[in-house]
Amino acid sequence: MKIVKKHTCTTLLVGKKATLDGSTIVCREEDYGNAFDPQRFTYVKPTDQPRHYQSKTTDFTIDLPDTPVGYTSTPDADSSAGIFAAGGINQHNVAMTGTETITTNSRILGIDPFNATDGIGEEDFVTLVLPYIRTAREGVERLGHLLERYGTYESNAISFGDHDEVWYMETIGGHHWAAVRIPDDAFVIAPNRLNIDDFDFTSADTCCSADLKGLIDDNRLNPALDGHYNLRQIFGSQTVTDTRYNNPRAWYVQQQLSTKPTGQPTDQDLPFICRPRHKLAIEEIKQVMSSHYQGTSFDPYEHDQAPYRSIALNRNLELHILQIRNNVPAAIAGIHWLAFGPNAFNTVVPFYANITDTPASYRDTPINYDAGSMYWLTHTIAAIGDAHYAKAQSAVEAYEQKVVAAGRHIQRVTDQQVDLADPQHQLDQANEQMATIAMKEATVLLGKLVKIAFGDAKLQY
């Protein structure tokens, strides 16, 4: 089987005591190459979940349990290479995102090689796990079991959240893994590298494959002089590419949010667990996930050169902020905030997750260009906005505030009026309202940007 690595991403996780409203947050933006990979927003009903699963990347096949629950999903519009469900929230209010492409090194791969024949990976993870778990910890355990039994063909990070806990998990070699519960008062920003640093094998807030410590000790993989286990040093990379592609993203977000921002953009040992200076709102999370080093000499819109890879790129496919709220009834707790396209020019919409269907403008994304879908409309906005950034910026900011405010208002009214005994129809309607507003305001924004671009046309006299 030919393995095609498609996605490079950035993950942001926030514990419930570090958010403004006490929610847990599992957030990731999904990237592609310098081409299009149209995305959809769907709801997978239990009857639509496959009972027999065949990967399209490898020869992996499995019979799945006959007891799935429904879940939201953000798959590729073109499923010929696989589902790539990316992230969602299930009926038990468990969030999952998969995956963050990460790095590794030749030492672990020499001991535990990838399984390129019939292993599992990004294409498969969400479909194999999310419909069958009731807690974030169960997600770690189920995926860990699958990795140990079948192996993986790539290095990936996966995250889970429920109303109480947020977990970050990394694959190690072909058949090993480790996971850490993010402290309630902390956040994590994770670029495309192995991110877990200090790991306590005795803690109740860590999990790993049963033989991981023995694998490290028996093969003399730990370089630490003090006996601590830093998994990034043991299993990760320390490359020149990391100093330009990965580390600066973590540095910038930590500079914006952390109580103790340290180091330089190229540093290899930036902290994994961070404490925020204040409780974080969705708007602030979206802001850093749309960042391109604003306020520094590394911003490509302000300076000729862009020495470091930023979070916001033309390659952004979609951004999901999976929020499990703790201040509302369980029937309305899961919110799948979603934006399509480049993050510097899009806006998130707070879609309810306990639904029966998703809005057509987000669900029925065609493979070929059609400005009537949010994926393609956002890319049109980004194409013009990027070329006229200075003039477009205020219009884009106003658009984002208007759509988010409208979504929050609809959410507030719906929260107060919904029939908790049978909520799904009302939640479907609320989602339709929000999608309609988002599409309308995006079209208005596009008109403004066309006017800006037309005013800058070369053929004037």
Protein backbone atom coordinates (compact mmCIF):
# COMPACT_ATOMS: atom_id res chain seq x y z
CA MET A 1 0.00 0.00 0.00
CA LYS A 2 1.21 3.53 -0.75
CA ILE A 3 1.15 5.77 2.31
CA VAL A 4 0.46 9.42 1.62
CA LYS A 5 1.09 11.82 4.50
CA LYS A 6 -1.34 14.65 4.00
CA HIS A 7 -1.86 16.79 7.03
CA THR A 8 0.36 18.97 9.21
CA CYS A 9 -1.41 20.81 11.98
CA THR A 10 -1.28 22.69 15.28
CA THR A 11 -3.07 21.59 18.47
CA LEU A 12 -4.16 23.71 21.44
CA LEU A 13 -5.62 22.12 24.59
CA VAL A 14 -7.07 23.88 27.64
CA GLY A 15 -8.15 22.47 31.00
CA LYS A 16 -11.47 23.41 32.60
CA LYS A 17 -10.00 25.74 35.23
CA ALA A 18 -8.07 27.64 32.56
CA THR A 19 -11.13 28.58 30.47
CA LEU A 20 -13.43 31.52 31.01
CA ASP A 21 -16.60 29.44 31.43
CA GLY A 22 -15.17 26.23 32.90
CA SER A 23 -15.28 24.25 29.65
CA THR A 24 -12.67 21.81 28.47
CA ILE A 25 -11.17 22.60 25.06
CA VAL A 26 -9.68 20.32 22.42
CA CYS A 27 -8.63 22.46 19.44
CA ARG A 28 -6.73 21.70 16.26
CA GLU A 29 -6.29 23.33 12.90
CA GLU A 30 -5.81 20.96 9.99
CA ASP A 31 -3.46 21.71 7.09
CA TYR A 32 -2.73 20.35 3.63
CA GLY A 33 -0.20 21.03 0.87
CA ASN A 34 -0.29 24.04 -1.43
CA ALA A 35 -3.43 22.74 -3.10
CA PHE A 36 -7.08 22.22 -2.20
CA ASP A 37 -8.50 19.40 -0.10
CA PRO A 38 -12.19 20.27 0.38
CA GLN A 39 -13.62 19.53 3.83
CA ARG A 40 -17.11 18.68 5.08
CA PHE A 41 -18.95 18.94 8.40
CA THR A 42 -21.13 15.90 9.00
CA TYR A 43 -23.04 14.03 11.66
CA VAL A 44 -22.43 10.28 11.60
CA LYS A 45 -25.52 8.46 12.84
CA PRO A 46 -25.06 5.06 14.51
CA THR A 47 -26.65 3.43 11.47
CA ASP A 48 -24.06 5.09 9.21
CA GLN A 49 -21.07 3.91 11.21
CA PRO A 50 -19.38 0.96 9.44
CA ARG A 51 -19.50 -2.44 11.13
CA HIS A 52 -16.65 -3.72 9.00
CA TYR A 53 -13.83 -1.25 8.42
CA GLN A 54 -11.20 -1.40 5.68
CA SER A 55 -8.42 1.16 5.58
CA LYS A 56 -7.60 2.67 2.19
CA THR A 57 -4.04 3.49 3.21
CA THR A 58 -2.93 0.00 4.30
CA ASP A 59 -4.32 -3.54 4.35
CA PHE A 60 -5.75 -3.02 7.86
CA THR A 61 -9.25 -4.42 8.36
CA ILE A 62 -11.39 -4.91 11.45
CA ASP A 63 -14.91 -5.79 12.57
CA LEU A 64 -16.17 -2.95 14.77
CA PRO A 65 -18.53 -3.20 17.76
CA ASP A 66 -22.25 -3.15 17.03
CA THR A 67 -22.89 -0.41 19.62
CA PRO A 68 -21.63 2.91 18.18
CA VAL A 69 -23.07 6.29 19.13
CA GLY A 70 -23.49 9.25 16.80
CA TYR A 71 -20.80 11.90 16.47
CA THR A 72 -19.85 15.02 14.54
CA SER A 73 -17.05 14.72 12.03
CA THR A 74 -14.99 16.87 9.65
CA PRO A 75 -13.95 14.44 6.88
CA ASP A 76 -12.47 15.02 3.44
CA ALA A 77 -15.07 15.72 0.76
CA ASP A 78 -13.22 13.29 -1.49
CA SER A 79 -13.14 9.98 0.40
CA SER A 80 -11.19 8.07 -2.24
CA ALA A 81 -8.07 8.12 -0.03
CA GLY A 82 -10.00 7.48 3.19
CA ILE A 83 -12.37 9.19 5.60
CA PHE A 84 -9.86 11.34 7.55
CA ALA A 85 -12.61 12.30 10.02
CA ALA A 86 -10.22 14.76 11.74
CA GLY A 87 -12.26 15.55 14.86
CA GLY A 88 -15.67 15.53 16.48
CA ILE A 89 -17.85 15.16 19.57
CA ASN A 90 -19.89 12.05 20.31
CA GLN A 91 -23.26 11.63 22.04
CA HIS A 92 -21.53 11.06 25.37
CA ASN A 93 -19.92 14.52 25.12
CA VAL A 94 -16.47 13.16 24.44
CA ALA A 95 -14.31 15.15 22.03
CA MET A 96 -11.52 13.69 19.92
CA THR A 97 -9.11 15.18 17.40
CA GLY A 98 -6.76 13.12 15.28
CA THR A 99 -4.20 13.77 14.24
CA GLU A 100 -1.30 16.07 14.80
CA THR A 101 1.62 14.88 12.68
CA ILE A 102 4.68 14.67 14.94
CA THR A 103 8.37 13.79 14.71
CA THR A 104 10.46 10.89 15.90
CA ASN A 105 14.04 9.61 15.61
CA SER A 106 15.96 6.70 14.19
CA ARG A 107 16.75 5.21 17.62
CA ILE A 108 13.16 4.19 18.36
CA LEU A 109 12.37 3.32 14.74
CA GLY A 110 15.35 0.96 14.72
CA ILE A 111 13.79 -0.87 17.67
CA ASP A 112 10.08 -0.59 16.80
CA PRO A 113 9.61 0.16 13.08
CA PHE A 114 6.43 1.53 11.58
CA ASN A 115 3.90 -0.98 10.26
CA ALA A 116 3.34 0.14 6.68
CA THR A 117 1.64 -3.10 5.68
CA ASP A 118 -1.50 -3.24 7.82
CA GLY A 119 -1.11 -0.57 10.48
CA ILE A 120 -3.49 2.29 11.33
CA GLY A 121 -3.07 6.04 11.19
CA GLU A 122 -4.67 9.42 10.68
CA GLU A 123 -7.13 8.10 8.12
CA ASP A 124 -8.57 5.67 10.67
CA PHE A 125 -8.26 6.89 14.25
CA VAL A 126 -11.45 8.91 14.77
CA THR A 127 -13.67 6.35 13.03
CA LEU A 128 -12.18 3.49 15.06
CA VAL A 129 -12.39 5.20 18.44
CA LEU A 130 -14.83 8.11 18.89
CA PRO A 131 -18.14 6.20 18.45
CA TYR A 132 -17.22 3.72 21.21
CA ILE A 133 -15.98 5.77 24.18
CA ARG A 134 -17.70 7.42 27.15
CA THR A 135 -14.75 9.37 28.58
CA ALA A 136 -11.53 10.92 27.38
CA ARG A 137 -9.50 8.36 29.31
CA GLU A 138 -11.40 5.55 27.59
CA GLY A 139 -10.36 7.10 24.28
CA VAL A 140 -6.71 6.88 25.25
CA GLU A 141 -7.13 3.29 26.39
CA ARG A 142 -9.02 2.13 23.28
CA LEU A 143 -6.61 3.74 20.84
CA GLY A 144 -3.65 2.50 22.88
CA HIS A 145 -4.93 -1.06 22.62
CA LEU A 146 -5.34 -0.73 18.85
CA LEU A 147 -1.83 0.69 18.46
CA GLU A 148 -0.26 -2.10 20.49
CA ARG A 149 -2.12 -4.78 18.52
CA TYR A 150 -1.95 -3.41 14.98
CA GLY A 151 0.74 -0.74 15.00
CA THR A 152 0.87 2.52 13.07
CA TYR A 153 2.63 3.63 9.89
CA GLU A 154 3.37 7.20 11.06
CA SER A 155 4.05 9.42 14.08
CA ASN A 156 0.93 11.15 15.33
CA ALA A 157 -0.58 12.93 18.32
CA ILE A 158 -4.24 12.55 19.29
CA SER A 159 -6.26 14.43 21.90
CA PHE A 160 -9.41 13.68 23.86
CA GLY A 161 -11.66 15.76 26.11
CA ASP A 162 -14.76 15.23 28.24
CA HIS A 163 -16.50 17.48 30.76
CA ASP A 164 -13.75 16.86 33.31
CA GLU A 165 -10.48 15.87 31.63
CA VAL A 166 -8.30 16.64 28.60
CA TRP A 167 -5.74 14.08 27.42
CA TYR A 168 -2.87 14.39 24.93
CA MET A 169 -1.50 11.17 23.41
CA GLU A 170 1.50 10.50 21.17
CA THR A 171 2.43 7.42 19.16
CA ILE A 172 5.96 6.16 19.71
CA GLY A 173 7.60 4.00 17.07
CA GLY A 174 5.32 1.48 15.42
CA HIS A 175 3.50 -0.02 18.42
CA HIS A 176 4.09 2.16 21.49
CA TRP A 177 2.42 5.26 22.89
CA ALA A 178 2.25 7.64 25.84
CA ALA A 179 -0.46 10.01 27.09
CA VAL A 180 -0.70 12.82 29.64
CA ARG A 181 -3.71 14.36 31.31
CA ILE A 182 -3.48 18.13 30.91
CA PRO A 183 -3.79 19.79 34.34
CA ASP A 184 -7.10 21.59 34.84
CA ASP A 185 -5.37 24.98 35.20
CA ALA A 186 -3.07 24.56 32.21
CA PHE A 187 -2.87 24.76 28.43
CA VAL A 188 -0.73 23.03 25.81
CA ILE A 189 0.32 24.28 22.39
CA ALA A 190 1.58 21.41 20.25
CA PRO A 191 3.20 21.86 16.80
CA ASN A 192 4.41 19.05 14.50
CA ARG A 193 6.96 17.49 16.80
CA LEU A 194 6.94 15.01 19.66
CA ASN A 195 5.87 17.33 22.47
CA ILE A 196 5.62 15.43 25.78
CA ASP A 197 8.62 16.25 27.94
CA ASP A 198 8.88 15.09 31.60
CA PHE A 199 6.90 11.87 32.03
CA ASP A 200 6.10 10.26 35.40
CA PHE A 201 5.45 6.56 34.95
CA THR A 202 3.93 6.34 38.46
CA SER A 203 1.36 9.14 38.08
CA ALA A 204 -2.38 8.57 37.78
CA ASP A 205 -2.34 11.38 35.21
CA THR A 206 -0.21 9.48 32.70
CA CYS A 207 -0.80 6.35 30.63
CA CYS A 208 1.44 4.46 28.24
CA SER A 209 2.05 1.10 26.60
CA ALA A 210 2.87 -1.38 29.35
CA ASP A 211 6.47 -2.00 28.31
CA LEU A 212 7.46 1.59 27.50
CA LYS A 213 9.70 2.15 30.54
CA GLY A 214 11.36 -1.21 30.02
CA LEU A 215 11.92 -0.41 26.36
CA ILE A 216 13.70 2.80 27.35
CA ASP A 217 15.79 1.22 30.09
CA ASP A 218 16.67 -2.03 28.31
CA ASN A 219 17.81 -0.19 25.19
CA ARG A 220 19.59 2.61 27.06
CA LEU A 221 17.60 5.35 25.33
CA ASN A 222 17.42 7.89 28.18
CA PRO A 223 20.09 10.62 27.92
CA ALA A 224 19.12 12.31 31.19
CA LEU A 225 21.77 12.49 33.90
CA ASP A 226 19.23 12.93 36.70
CA GLY A 227 17.11 9.85 36.00
CA HIS A 228 14.07 11.76 34.75
CA TYR A 229 12.28 10.62 31.59
CA ASN A 230 11.88 13.37 29.00
CA LEU A 231 10.02 11.67 26.15
CA ARG A 232 10.77 14.47 23.70
CA GLN A 233 14.49 13.94 24.23
CA ILE A 234 14.18 10.16 24.18
CA PHE A 235 11.85 9.63 21.23
CA GLY A 236 11.61 12.99 19.44
CA SER A 237 13.73 15.02 17.07
CA GLN A 238 16.14 17.92 17.51
CA THR A 239 16.52 19.02 13.91
CA VAL A 240 17.17 22.26 12.07
CA THR A 241 13.70 21.85 10.59
CA ASP A 242 12.22 21.89 14.11
CA THR A 243 13.88 25.24 14.81
CA ARG A 244 12.08 26.87 11.88
CA TYR A 245 8.97 24.80 11.28
CA ASN A 246 7.84 23.69 14.74
CA ASN A 247 9.37 25.44 17.73
CA PRO A 248 8.48 29.03 16.72
CA ARG A 249 4.74 28.27 16.72
CA ALA A 250 4.90 27.01 20.30
CA TRP A 251 7.09 29.96 21.30
CA TYR A 252 4.69 32.54 19.87
CA VAL A 253 1.56 31.14 21.55
CA GLN A 254 3.41 30.80 24.84
CA GLN A 255 4.51 34.42 24.51
CA GLN A 256 0.88 35.46 24.07
CA LEU A 257 -0.72 33.30 26.78
CA SER A 258 1.75 31.92 29.29
CA THR A 259 2.46 33.28 32.76
CA LYS A 260 6.15 32.54 32.23
CA PRO A 261 7.02 32.80 28.53
CA THR A 262 10.62 31.77 28.02
CA GLY A 263 13.21 31.18 25.36
CA GLN A 264 13.64 32.06 21.73
CA PRO A 265 11.64 30.94 18.66
CA THR A 266 14.25 28.33 17.73
CA ASP A 267 14.64 26.74 21.19
CA GLN A 268 14.30 22.96 21.27
CA ASP A 269 13.22 22.68 24.92
CA LEU A 270 10.20 24.96 25.22
CA PRO A 271 7.84 23.72 27.96
CA PHE A 272 5.00 21.32 27.22
CA ILE A 273 2.60 22.21 30.07
CA CYS A 274 1.95 25.96 30.48
CA ARG A 275 -0.24 28.09 32.76
CA PRO A 276 -2.17 30.98 31.18
CA ARG A 277 -1.99 34.54 32.47
CA HIS A 278 -5.78 34.61 32.66
CA LYS A 279 -8.72 32.35 31.85
CA LEU A 280 -9.07 31.83 28.13
CA ALA A 281 -12.12 32.53 25.97
CA ILE A 282 -12.94 30.94 22.62
CA GLU A 283 -12.16 34.25 20.90
CA GLU A 284 -8.63 34.28 22.28
CA ILE A 285 -8.10 30.66 21.29
CA LYS A 286 -9.22 31.48 17.75
CA GLN A 287 -6.91 34.50 17.72
CA VAL A 288 -3.75 32.54 18.48
CA MET A 289 -4.81 29.78 16.08
CA SER A 290 -5.00 32.50 13.41
CA SER A 291 -1.61 33.95 14.25
CA HIS A 292 1.26 34.75 11.90
CA TYR A 293 3.69 36.32 14.39
CA GLN A 294 1.83 39.64 14.61
CA GLY A 295 3.82 42.23 16.50
CA THR A 296 7.18 40.62 15.70
CA SER A 297 9.73 40.94 12.93
CA PHE A 298 8.64 37.49 11.69
CA ASP A 299 5.20 38.56 10.38
CA PRO A 300 5.18 38.00 6.57
CA TYR A 301 2.58 40.76 6.12
CA GLU A 302 4.92 43.30 7.71
CA HIS A 303 8.32 42.12 6.48
CA ASP A 304 9.75 40.73 3.27
CA GLN A 305 10.90 37.42 4.71
CA ALA A 306 9.01 34.82 6.72
CA PRO A 307 11.74 32.80 8.46
CA TYR A 308 9.35 30.66 10.52
CA ARG A 309 6.26 28.64 9.73
CA SER A 310 3.20 30.23 11.36
CA ILE A 311 -0.08 28.66 12.49
CA ALA A 312 -2.15 30.63 9.98
CA LEU A 313 -1.32 29.53 6.43
CA ASN A 314 -2.87 29.32 3.01
CA ARG A 315 -2.76 25.56 3.68
CA ASN A 316 -5.26 25.67 6.58
CA LEU A 317 -8.17 23.34 5.77
CA GLU A 318 -10.36 23.66 8.82
CA LEU A 319 -10.21 24.65 12.47
CA HIS A 320 -12.24 22.86 15.11
CA ILE A 321 -12.53 24.00 18.71
CA LEU A 322 -14.26 21.14 20.52
CA GLN A 323 -15.82 22.54 23.67
CA ILE A 324 -17.48 20.49 26.42
CA ARG A 325 -19.35 22.92 28.65
CA ASN A 326 -19.82 22.36 32.38
CA ASN A 327 -22.36 25.11 33.11
CA VAL A 328 -25.25 23.68 31.07
CA PRO A 329 -27.22 20.41 30.88
CA ALA A 330 -25.49 17.48 29.18
CA ALA A 331 -27.90 17.58 26.22
CA ILE A 332 -26.42 20.90 25.06
CA ALA A 333 -22.91 20.66 26.49
CA GLY A 334 -21.00 19.74 23.33
CA ILE A 335 -20.14 22.61 20.98
CA HIS A 336 -18.24 21.93 17.76
CA TRP A 337 -16.88 25.36 16.85
CA LEU A 338 -15.85 25.17 13.20
CA ALA A 339 -14.19 27.26 10.51
CA PHE A 340 -13.10 26.26 7.03
CA GLY A 341 -10.11 27.62 5.13
CA PRO A 342 -7.14 29.86 6.02
CA ASN A 343 -7.49 30.97 9.63
CA ALA A 344 -6.41 34.57 9.04
CA PHE A 345 -9.58 35.10 6.99
CA ASN A 346 -12.24 32.82 8.47
CA THR A 347 -14.52 32.70 11.50
CA VAL A 348 -15.62 29.92 13.82
CA VAL A 349 -19.30 29.06 14.29
CA PRO A 350 -20.54 27.42 17.54
CA PHE A 351 -22.42 24.42 16.16
CA TYR A 352 -24.23 22.19 18.64
CA ALA A 353 -22.96 18.59 18.56
CA ASN A 354 -26.09 16.73 19.80
CA ILE A 355 -27.87 16.88 16.45
CA THR A 356 -29.29 14.76 13.63
CA ASP A 357 -27.72 16.56 10.66
CA THR A 358 -25.45 19.47 9.73
CA PRO A 359 -26.16 22.58 7.60
CA ALA A 360 -25.87 21.95 3.86
CA SER A 361 -23.46 24.83 3.25
CA TYR A 362 -20.97 23.10 5.56
CA ARG A 363 -21.99 19.49 4.83
CA ASP A 364 -22.26 19.27 1.04
CA THR A 365 -18.86 20.61 0.02
CA PRO A 366 -18.23 19.82 -3.65
CA ILE A 367 -14.84 18.58 -4.75
CA ASN A 368 -14.65 21.29 -7.40
CA TYR A 369 -15.02 25.02 -6.86
CA ASP A 370 -18.45 26.30 -5.83
CA ALA A 371 -18.75 29.60 -3.94
CA GLY A 372 -22.08 28.39 -2.57
CA SER A 373 -20.28 26.25 0.01
CA MET A 374 -18.47 27.68 3.02
CA TYR A 375 -15.21 25.87 2.27
CA TRP A 376 -14.85 27.42 -1.18
CA LEU A 377 -16.29 30.79 -0.18
CA THR A 378 -13.71 31.13 2.57
CA HIS A 379 -10.89 30.25 0.19
CA THR A 380 -12.10 32.93 -2.22
CA ILE A 381 -12.05 35.47 0.61
CA ALA A 382 -8.55 34.36 1.62
CA ALA A 383 -7.19 34.58 -1.93
CA ILE A 384 -8.23 38.23 -2.22
CA GLY A 385 -7.60 39.13 1.42
CA ASP A 386 -4.05 37.83 1.37
CA ALA A 387 -3.18 39.95 -1.67
CA HIS A 388 -4.65 43.08 -0.04
CA TYR A 389 -4.04 42.29 3.63
CA ALA A 390 -3.52 45.79 5.00
CA LYS A 391 -6.73 47.13 3.45
CA ALA A 392 -8.74 43.96 4.11
CA GLN A 393 -7.78 43.39 7.74
CA SER A 394 -10.38 45.62 9.42
CA ALA A 395 -13.20 44.20 7.27
CA VAL A 396 -12.16 40.64 8.13
CA GLU A 397 -12.01 41.48 11.84
CA ALA A 398 -15.48 43.05 11.73
CA TYR A 399 -16.87 40.01 9.88
CA GLU A 400 -15.47 37.62 12.46
CA GLN A 401 -16.84 39.60 15.40
CA LYS A 402 -20.28 39.88 13.81
CA VAL A 403 -20.58 36.16 13.05
CA VAL A 404 -19.29 35.00 16.44
CA ALA A 405 -21.54 37.46 18.28
CA ALA A 406 -24.57 36.29 16.29
CA GLY A 407 -23.68 32.67 16.96
CA ARG A 408 -23.27 33.33 20.67
CA HIS A 409 -26.65 35.07 20.78
CA ILE A 410 -28.42 32.20 19.02
CA GLN A 411 -26.68 29.80 21.38
CA ARG A 412 -27.75 31.82 24.43
CA VAL A 413 -31.41 31.89 23.34
CA THR A 414 -31.38 28.21 22.38
CA ASP A 415 -29.79 27.20 25.69
CA GLN A 416 -32.67 28.91 27.51
CA GLN A 417 -35.52 27.62 25.33
CA VAL A 418 -34.51 24.12 24.24
CA ASP A 419 -36.61 21.12 25.23
CA LEU A 420 -34.02 19.03 27.05
CA ALA A 421 -36.15 15.88 26.73
CA ASP A 422 -36.01 16.07 22.92
CA PRO A 423 -33.45 18.73 21.95
CA GLN A 424 -32.07 17.63 18.60
CA HIS A 425 -34.62 19.28 16.30
CA GLN A 426 -34.17 22.66 17.98
CA LEU A 427 -30.40 22.28 17.94
CA ASP A 428 -30.53 21.45 14.22
CA GLN A 429 -32.52 24.63 13.67
CA ALA A 430 -30.08 26.71 15.71
CA ASN A 431 -27.18 25.34 13.65
CA GLU A 432 -29.02 26.21 10.44
CA GLN A 433 -29.53 29.77 11.67
CA MET A 434 -25.87 30.14 12.48
CA ALA A 435 -24.73 28.69 9.16
CA THR A 436 -27.08 30.98 7.24
CA ILE A 437 -25.70 34.05 9.02
CA ALA A 438 -22.11 32.92 8.49
CA MET A 439 -22.68 32.39 4.77
CA LYS A 440 -24.48 35.72 4.40
CA GLU A 441 -21.78 37.70 6.18
CA ALA A 442 -19.02 35.89 4.30
CA THR A 443 -20.68 36.90 1.04
CA VAL A 444 -20.89 40.50 2.23
CA LEU A 445 -17.21 40.38 3.17
CA LEU A 446 -16.31 38.97 -0.24
CA GLY A 447 -18.06 41.91 -1.88
CA LYS A 448 -16.05 44.34 0.22
CA LEU A 449 -12.79 42.61 -0.71
CA VAL A 450 -13.66 42.60 -4.41
CA LYS A 451 -14.22 46.36 -4.15
CA ILE A 452 -10.83 46.78 -2.48
CA ALA A 453 -9.11 44.65 -5.12
CA PHE A 454 -10.89 46.48 -7.93
CA GLY A 455 -9.69 49.80 -6.56
CA ASP A 456 -6.12 48.50 -6.68
CA ALA A 457 -6.37 47.31 -10.28
CA LYS A 458 -3.37 48.13 -12.50
CA LEU A 459 -5.49 49.11 -15.49
CA GLN A 460 -6.41 52.57 -14.25
CA TYR A 461 -5.86 55.93 -15.86
